[in-house]
Structure formats: C-alpha cells, structure tokens
Amino acid sequence: MNKKIASVVLGVLLIGIVSAGLVPYLSNLVSGSVEVEGPVFYFSDTEVVINGVTFHALNLNEFDGEIGKVSFTNGLESQWFVSEELGVNSFYPANYNFDVEICAKPDTVDDTIGQVTLTLKILKADGDFRDDNICEAYINNVLTTPNCVYGDGDYEIYPATCSAGELTLEPTDRFVLITSDGAHAITYYIRLYGDTKFKVTSAI
C-alpha cells in the first residue's frame, strides 16, 4: 500500500494484516471509534539470511512452529530477529508491547538480578539500518536461577513496552529486534515456543 496511515475526523484508522503484508483495513471516514487488531510478530527459531547475514525470524501474525531457544551473555553477545518486508510507506504512531519468555543463569555469585534490553530498528533493503532506533524497551528485575530447564518453572514471561511516532518507510523495509544486556555477568535464554512475541497497537 502506498497510502499513508493517518487518523481521521470522528475516528481512528488502525491497520490489519493480510497475506500480502501490512495494509490499512479502513480508508474512509468512520463514525464513532473503531478498534482493529494490530499486527503480532512471533519470535521463531527459523533462520533468515539477508545480504549474507543470518537472523532468526519474526513471524507475522502466526507462529510457524519452529521451536527452540536462543541465548546471549551480558554485553558480549546479542540475538537478532527480522520480519518479512513490511510492504508500506509509513507506519502509524504505535505502542510496541512485548512478551518475552526468559530464563537467566548467573555466571558469578554477585549477579542475581538481570536486565534485558529490546531494541527495535528498521532494516533497509541494502542491509543498512535507518538512522535511529524505533524505540527501546527494558525488562528489569529478571531473576536468575542455577538451571534453565524448561518445565521446572525456570522460565517466566516478562512484559515490556515502548512507543514511537509515525515511521516513514520503504515497502522493502523490515523490523529488526535485538535482545541484549550491557552490564550483568548473566546468560539469558529466550524460549521460542510461540509465547515470545510483540504486538503493535495504535498510540493515536
């Protein structure tokens, strides 16, 4: 779609999802308030190679069933997830609402509580990023455990939210989500079973 997504008199235009990508459900004036579900991006263990760089996938609206887990340790490592091409020229002001299933294992006796940073960016077709991050969300007070074995109550779903204004895009742009932690001697494990995701909702 080449039309910009905008608010209108007596109503709010939100976007929905179709198989071709992100498009507005509504394009005319509406009376009253209209609420349409925004897109959901599921973290997947599927690998995606773009310009020679390997990412994990962000599935649009439906988890592809590729289960697994990824890990990273303090500022030395991070994990990167990428969506399909967004297919729009702009994106409405939005809240980005995350649910991330995490287990944290301390690497020293001193680090018992961690923090995960979620950085959302736009990846261009040439492999470069647009100038600024969309936004950053922080998961604070991530409790550590000696073992990270799913089924023993070691994993917990942590919510986080960040917001951004309207985005100017190219149809070939993609979301990139980076998980990291800059300071703690902790190894984080993120479980990819369909519960780790983020949902986009209108901030208008």
C-alpha atoms as a PDB file:
ATOM      1  CA  MET A   1       0.000   0.000   0.000  1.00  0.00           C
ATOM      2  CA  ASN A   2       1.279   3.466  -0.869  1.00  0.00           C
ATOM      3  CA  LYS A   3      -1.259   5.400   1.165  1.00  0.00           C
ATOM      4  CA  LYS A   4      -0.183   6.897   4.456  1.00  0.00           C
ATOM      5  CA  ILE A   5      -1.841   5.640   7.604  1.00  0.00           C
ATOM      6  CA  ALA A   6      -3.420   8.533   9.498  1.00  0.00           C
ATOM      7  CA  SER A   7      -6.093   9.486  11.987  1.00  0.00           C
ATOM      8  CA  VAL A   8      -9.343  10.957  10.657  1.00  0.00           C
ATOM      9  CA  VAL A   9     -12.269  13.037  11.936  1.00  0.00           C
ATOM     10  CA  LEU A  10     -14.564  11.120  14.307  1.00  0.00           C
ATOM     11  CA  GLY A  11     -12.469   8.027  14.181  1.00  0.00           C
ATOM     12  CA  VAL A  12      -9.122   6.365  14.191  1.00  0.00           C
ATOM     13  CA  LEU A  13      -7.648   4.336  11.387  1.00  0.00           C
ATOM     14  CA  LEU A  14      -5.752   1.268  12.534  1.00  0.00           C
ATOM     15  CA  ILE A  15      -4.106  -1.354  10.419  1.00  0.00           C
ATOM     16  CA  GLY A  16      -4.693  -5.043   9.965  1.00  0.00           C
ATOM     17  CA  ILE A  17      -2.794  -7.826   8.329  1.00  0.00           C
ATOM     18  CA  VAL A  18      -3.339  -9.697   5.110  1.00  0.00           C
ATOM     19  CA  SER A  19      -1.133 -12.294   3.480  1.00  0.00           C
ATOM     20  CA  ALA A  20       0.448  -9.670   1.219  1.00  0.00           C
ATOM     21  CA  GLY A  21       1.682  -7.641   4.178  1.00  0.00           C
ATOM     22  CA  LEU A  22       0.663  -4.642   6.250  1.00  0.00           C
ATOM     23  CA  VAL A  23      -2.268  -2.623   4.878  1.00  0.00           C
ATOM     24  CA  PRO A  24      -4.969  -0.362   6.371  1.00  0.00           C
ATOM     25  CA  TYR A  25      -8.305  -2.038   6.989  1.00  0.00           C
ATOM     26  CA  LEU A  26     -10.046   1.296   6.633  1.00  0.00           C
ATOM     27  CA  SER A  27      -9.542   4.131   4.152  1.00  0.00           C
ATOM     28  CA  ASN A  28     -12.607   6.355   4.555  1.00  0.00           C
ATOM     29  CA  LEU A  29     -14.235   8.468   7.264  1.00  0.00           C
ATOM     30  CA  VAL A  30     -15.854   6.474  10.025  1.00  0.00           C
ATOM     31  CA  SER A  31     -18.267   7.424  12.734  1.00  0.00           C
ATOM     32  CA  GLY A  32     -17.530   6.611  16.344  1.00  0.00           C
ATOM     33  CA  SER A  33     -14.469   4.676  17.453  1.00  0.00           C
ATOM     34  CA  VAL A  34     -13.113   1.716  15.548  1.00  0.00           C
ATOM     35  CA  GLU A  35     -10.625  -0.708  17.057  1.00  0.00           C
ATOM     36  CA  VAL A  36      -8.811  -3.154  14.796  1.00  0.00           C
ATOM     37  CA  GLU A  37      -6.242  -5.667  15.993  1.00  0.00           C
ATOM     38  CA  GLY A  38      -2.718  -4.621  15.094  1.00  0.00           C
ATOM     39  CA  PRO A  39      -0.031  -6.997  13.834  1.00  0.00           C
ATOM     40  CA  VAL A  40       1.698  -9.511  16.097  1.00  0.00           C
ATOM     41  CA  PHE A  41       5.262 -10.670  15.462  1.00  0.00           C
ATOM     42  CA  TYR A  42       6.307 -14.056  16.884  1.00  0.00           C
ATOM     43  CA  PHE A  43       9.948 -14.876  17.646  1.00  0.00           C
ATOM     44  CA  SER A  44      10.870 -18.057  15.727  1.00  0.00           C
ATOM     45  CA  ASP A  45      13.841 -20.420  15.555  1.00  0.00           C
ATOM     46  CA  THR A  46      13.642 -20.241  11.745  1.00  0.00           C
ATOM     47  CA  GLU A  47      16.807 -18.743  10.271  1.00  0.00           C
ATOM     48  CA  VAL A  48      16.604 -15.971   7.661  1.00  0.00           C
ATOM     49  CA  VAL A  49      19.624 -14.874   5.608  1.00  0.00           C
ATOM     50  CA  ILE A  50      19.565 -11.283   4.316  1.00  0.00           C
ATOM     51  CA  ASN A  51      22.563  -9.867   2.444  1.00  0.00           C
ATOM     52  CA  GLY A  52      24.717 -12.631   3.855  1.00  0.00           C
ATOM     53  CA  VAL A  53      23.679 -12.024   7.479  1.00  0.00           C
ATOM     54  CA  THR A  54      21.777 -14.732   9.382  1.00  0.00           C
ATOM     55  CA  PHE A  55      18.877 -13.689  11.631  1.00  0.00           C
ATOM     56  CA  HIS A  56      16.118 -15.512  13.469  1.00  0.00           C
ATOM     57  CA  ALA A  57      12.657 -14.854  12.047  1.00  0.00           C
ATOM     58  CA  LEU A  58       9.853 -12.637  13.302  1.00  0.00           C
ATOM     59  CA  ASN A  59       6.694 -14.396  12.049  1.00  0.00           C
ATOM     60  CA  LEU A  60       3.854 -12.093  11.058  1.00  0.00           C
ATOM     61  CA  ASN A  61       0.577 -12.909  12.865  1.00  0.00           C
ATOM     62  CA  GLU A  62       1.114 -16.668  13.071  1.00  0.00           C
ATOM     63  CA  PHE A  63       3.881 -18.649  14.745  1.00  0.00           C
ATOM     64  CA  ASP A  64       5.469 -21.025  12.228  1.00  0.00           C
ATOM     65  CA  GLY A  65       6.014 -23.803  14.785  1.00  0.00           C
ATOM     66  CA  GLU A  66       9.826 -23.698  14.625  1.00  0.00           C
ATOM     67  CA  ILE A  67      10.526 -24.035  18.337  1.00  0.00           C
ATOM     68  CA  GLY A  68      13.839 -23.624  20.107  1.00  0.00           C
ATOM     69  CA  LYS A  69      15.745 -21.222  22.280  1.00  0.00           C
ATOM     70  CA  VAL A  70      18.470 -18.621  21.875  1.00  0.00           C
ATOM     71  CA  SER A  71      20.950 -17.315  24.415  1.00  0.00           C
ATOM     72  CA  PHE A  72      23.224 -14.324  24.967  1.00  0.00           C
ATOM     73  CA  THR A  73      25.587 -13.168  27.696  1.00  0.00           C
ATOM     74  CA  ASN A  74      25.894  -9.568  29.024  1.00  0.00           C
ATOM     75  CA  GLY A  75      27.393  -7.062  26.572  1.00  0.00           C
ATOM     76  CA  LEU A  76      29.404  -9.673  24.678  1.00  0.00           C
ATOM     77  CA  GLU A  77      26.516 -11.145  22.704  1.00  0.00           C
ATOM     78  CA  SER A  78      23.050 -10.349  21.374  1.00  0.00           C
ATOM     79  CA  GLN A  79      20.310 -12.076  19.392  1.00  0.00           C
ATOM     80  CA  TRP A  80      18.755 -10.570  16.262  1.00  0.00           C
ATOM     81  CA  PHE A  81      15.295 -11.257  14.825  1.00  0.00           C
ATOM     82  CA  VAL A  82      13.975  -9.929  11.488  1.00  0.00           C
ATOM     83  CA  SER A  83      10.494  -9.672   9.963  1.00  0.00           C
ATOM     84  CA  GLU A  84       9.391 -10.076   6.373  1.00  0.00           C
ATOM     85  CA  GLU A  85       9.209  -6.933   4.233  1.00  0.00           C
ATOM     86  CA  LEU A  86       6.606  -4.599   5.760  1.00  0.00           C
ATOM     87  CA  GLY A  87       5.176  -3.507   2.402  1.00  0.00           C
ATOM     88  CA  VAL A  88       4.102   0.004   3.431  1.00  0.00           C
ATOM     89  CA  ASN A  89       5.401   3.554   3.010  1.00  0.00           C
ATOM     90  CA  SER A  90       4.548   4.646   6.538  1.00  0.00           C
ATOM     91  CA  PHE A  91       3.511   3.283   9.893  1.00  0.00           C
ATOM     92  CA  TYR A  92       1.193   4.941  12.400  1.00  0.00           C
ATOM     93  CA  PRO A  93       2.339   6.172  15.868  1.00  0.00           C
ATOM     94  CA  ALA A  94       2.373   2.972  17.882  1.00  0.00           C
ATOM     95  CA  ASN A  95       2.986   1.133  21.119  1.00  0.00           C
ATOM     96  CA  TYR A  96       5.164  -1.967  20.855  1.00  0.00           C
ATOM     97  CA  ASN A  97       4.074  -4.458  23.510  1.00  0.00           C
ATOM     98  CA  PHE A  98       6.488  -7.318  24.205  1.00  0.00           C
ATOM     99  CA  ASP A  99       6.094 -10.656  25.969  1.00  0.00           C
ATOM    100  CA  VAL A 100       9.431 -12.454  26.274  1.00  0.00           C
ATOM    101  CA  GLU A 101       9.858 -15.881  27.875  1.00  0.00           C
ATOM    102  CA  ILE A 102      13.211 -15.746  29.669  1.00  0.00           C
ATOM    103  CA  CYS A 103      15.395 -17.803  31.966  1.00  0.00           C
ATOM    104  CA  ALA A 104      18.523 -16.136  33.395  1.00  0.00           C
ATOM    105  CA  LYS A 105      21.508 -18.058  34.720  1.00  0.00           C
ATOM    106  CA  PRO A 106      24.176 -16.153  36.720  1.00  0.00           C
ATOM    107  CA  ASP A 107      27.820 -16.512  35.716  1.00  0.00           C
ATOM    108  CA  THR A 108      29.069 -15.148  39.062  1.00  0.00           C
ATOM    109  CA  VAL A 109      27.689 -15.167  42.600  1.00  0.00           C
ATOM    110  CA  ASP A 110      27.343 -11.378  42.518  1.00  0.00           C
ATOM    111  CA  ASP A 111      24.874 -11.024  39.646  1.00  0.00           C
ATOM    112  CA  THR A 112      21.499 -12.330  40.778  1.00  0.00           C
ATOM    113  CA  ILE A 113      19.139  -9.909  39.003  1.00  0.00           C
ATOM    114  CA  GLY A 114      19.424  -9.030  35.325  1.00  0.00           C
ATOM    115  CA  GLN A 115      18.004  -6.652  32.760  1.00  0.00           C
ATOM    116  CA  VAL A 116      17.206  -7.365  29.113  1.00  0.00           C
ATOM    117  CA  THR A 117      17.150  -4.575  26.532  1.00  0.00           C
ATOM    118  CA  LEU A 118      14.865  -4.911  23.488  1.00  0.00           C
ATOM    119  CA  THR A 119      15.946  -2.619  20.650  1.00  0.00           C
ATOM    120  CA  LEU A 120      13.596  -2.235  17.678  1.00  0.00           C
ATOM    121  CA  LYS A 121      15.098  -0.940  14.425  1.00  0.00           C
ATOM    122  CA  ILE A 122      14.309  -0.693  10.710  1.00  0.00           C
ATOM    123  CA  LEU A 123      16.460  -2.678   8.274  1.00  0.00           C
ATOM    124  CA  LYS A 124      16.643  -1.351   4.702  1.00  0.00           C
ATOM    125  CA  ALA A 125      16.879  -3.497   1.585  1.00  0.00           C
ATOM    126  CA  ASP A 126      20.587  -2.713   1.214  1.00  0.00           C
ATOM    127  CA  GLY A 127      21.333  -4.166   4.652  1.00  0.00           C
ATOM    128  CA  ASP A 128      21.849  -0.837   6.405  1.00  0.00           C
ATOM    129  CA  PHE A 129      19.700   0.462   9.252  1.00  0.00           C
ATOM    130  CA  ARG A 130      17.653   3.613   9.185  1.00  0.00           C
ATOM    131  CA  ASP A 131      19.254   6.346  11.276  1.00  0.00           C
ATOM    132  CA  ASP A 132      17.512   5.980  14.629  1.00  0.00           C
ATOM    133  CA  ASN A 133      16.070   3.142  16.666  1.00  0.00           C
ATOM    134  CA  ILE A 134      12.291   2.947  16.612  1.00  0.00           C
ATOM    135  CA  CYS A 135      12.353   2.528  20.393  1.00  0.00           C
ATOM    136  CA  GLU A 136      13.908   0.551  23.230  1.00  0.00           C
ATOM    137  CA  ALA A 137      12.070  -1.434  25.898  1.00  0.00           C
ATOM    138  CA  TYR A 138      13.633  -2.675  29.125  1.00  0.00           C
ATOM    139  CA  ILE A 139      12.821  -5.805  31.086  1.00  0.00           C
ATOM    140  CA  ASN A 140      14.014  -5.092  34.609  1.00  0.00           C
ATOM    141  CA  ASN A 141      14.367  -7.374  37.620  1.00  0.00           C
ATOM    142  CA  VAL A 142      14.944 -10.588  35.703  1.00  0.00           C
ATOM    143  CA  LEU A 143      15.531 -13.142  38.464  1.00  0.00           C
ATOM    144  CA  THR A 144      18.300 -15.696  38.000  1.00  0.00           C
ATOM    145  CA  THR A 145      18.228 -19.442  38.632  1.00  0.00           C
ATOM    146  CA  PRO A 146      21.013 -22.060  38.778  1.00  0.00           C
ATOM    147  CA  ASN A 147      19.445 -24.060  35.937  1.00  0.00           C
ATOM    148  CA  CYS A 148      17.427 -23.219  32.862  1.00  0.00           C
ATOM    149  CA  VAL A 149      15.448 -26.377  32.137  1.00  0.00           C
ATOM    150  CA  TYR A 150      12.000 -25.750  30.723  1.00  0.00           C
ATOM    151  CA  GLY A 151       9.269 -27.439  32.705  1.00  0.00           C
ATOM    152  CA  ASP A 152      10.829 -26.829  36.111  1.00  0.00           C
ATOM    153  CA  GLY A 153       9.442 -23.304  36.423  1.00  0.00           C
ATOM    154  CA  ASP A 154      12.728 -21.705  35.421  1.00  0.00           C
ATOM    155  CA  TYR A 155      11.260 -19.684  32.529  1.00  0.00           C
ATOM    156  CA  GLU A 156       8.980 -16.704  33.044  1.00  0.00           C
ATOM    157  CA  ILE A 157       7.167 -14.434  30.593  1.00  0.00           C
ATOM    158  CA  TYR A 158       8.237 -10.807  31.120  1.00  0.00           C
ATOM    159  CA  PRO A 159       6.275  -7.898  29.595  1.00  0.00           C
ATOM    160  CA  ALA A 160       7.770  -4.647  28.321  1.00  0.00           C
ATOM    161  CA  THR A 161       6.521  -1.713  26.237  1.00  0.00           C
ATOM    162  CA  CYS A 162       7.956   1.140  24.227  1.00  0.00           C
ATOM    163  CA  SER A 163       6.381   3.735  21.944  1.00  0.00           C
ATOM    164  CA  ALA A 164       7.283   5.620  18.784  1.00  0.00           C
ATOM    165  CA  GLY A 165       5.826   8.222  16.459  1.00  0.00           C
ATOM    166  CA  GLU A 166       4.879   7.755  12.822  1.00  0.00           C
ATOM    167  CA  LEU A 167       7.523   5.990  10.733  1.00  0.00           C
ATOM    168  CA  THR A 168       8.448   6.880   7.153  1.00  0.00           C
ATOM    169  CA  LEU A 169       9.395   3.669   5.350  1.00  0.00           C
ATOM    170  CA  GLU A 170      10.086   1.949   2.063  1.00  0.00           C
ATOM    171  CA  PRO A 171       7.935  -1.098   1.247  1.00  0.00           C
ATOM    172  CA  THR A 172      11.055  -3.304   1.365  1.00  0.00           C
ATOM    173  CA  ASP A 173      11.929  -2.257   4.944  1.00  0.00           C
ATOM    174  CA  ARG A 174      11.797  -4.822   7.758  1.00  0.00           C
ATOM    175  CA  PHE A 175      11.592  -4.744  11.545  1.00  0.00           C
ATOM    176  CA  VAL A 176      14.704  -5.927  13.383  1.00  0.00           C
ATOM    177  CA  LEU A 177      14.506  -6.756  17.089  1.00  0.00           C
ATOM    178  CA  ILE A 178      17.765  -7.053  19.064  1.00  0.00           C
ATOM    179  CA  THR A 179      17.927  -8.606  22.543  1.00  0.00           C
ATOM    180  CA  SER A 180      20.905  -7.693  24.730  1.00  0.00           C
ATOM    181  CA  ASP A 181      22.165  -6.894  28.229  1.00  0.00           C
ATOM    182  CA  GLY A 182      25.019  -4.465  28.651  1.00  0.00           C
ATOM    183  CA  ALA A 183      26.344  -4.982  32.150  1.00  0.00           C
ATOM    184  CA  HIS A 184      25.488  -8.174  34.003  1.00  0.00           C
ATOM    185  CA  ALA A 185      27.503 -11.416  34.108  1.00  0.00           C
ATOM    186  CA  ILE A 186      24.390 -13.428  33.294  1.00  0.00           C
ATOM    187  CA  THR A 187      23.489 -15.808  30.476  1.00  0.00           C
ATOM    188  CA  TYR A 188      19.925 -15.280  29.255  1.00  0.00           C
ATOM    189  CA  TYR A 189      17.881 -17.927  27.458  1.00  0.00           C
ATOM    190  CA  ILE A 190      14.819 -16.904  25.420  1.00  0.00           C
ATOM    191  CA  ARG A 191      12.346 -19.669  24.674  1.00  0.00           C
ATOM    192  CA  LEU A 192      10.819 -19.665  21.173  1.00  0.00           C
ATOM    193  CA  TYR A 193       7.607 -21.650  21.574  1.00  0.00           C
ATOM    194  CA  GLY A 194       5.041 -19.090  20.382  1.00  0.00           C
ATOM    195  CA  ASP A 195       4.744 -17.174  23.664  1.00  0.00           C
ATOM    196  CA  THR A 196       7.599 -14.762  22.917  1.00  0.00           C
ATOM    197  CA  LYS A 197       6.197 -12.042  20.682  1.00  0.00           C
ATOM    198  CA  PHE A 198       5.387  -8.373  20.312  1.00  0.00           C
ATOM    199  CA  LYS A 199       2.128  -6.723  19.341  1.00  0.00           C
ATOM    200  CA  VAL A 200       1.780  -3.330  17.674  1.00  0.00           C
ATOM    201  CA  THR A 201      -1.107  -1.129  18.817  1.00  0.00           C
ATOM    202  CA  SER A 202      -2.058   2.394  17.836  1.00  0.00           C
ATOM    203  CA  ALA A 203      -0.758   5.237  20.013  1.00  0.00           C
ATOM    204  CA  ILE A 204      -3.151   7.759  18.439  1.00  0.00           C
END
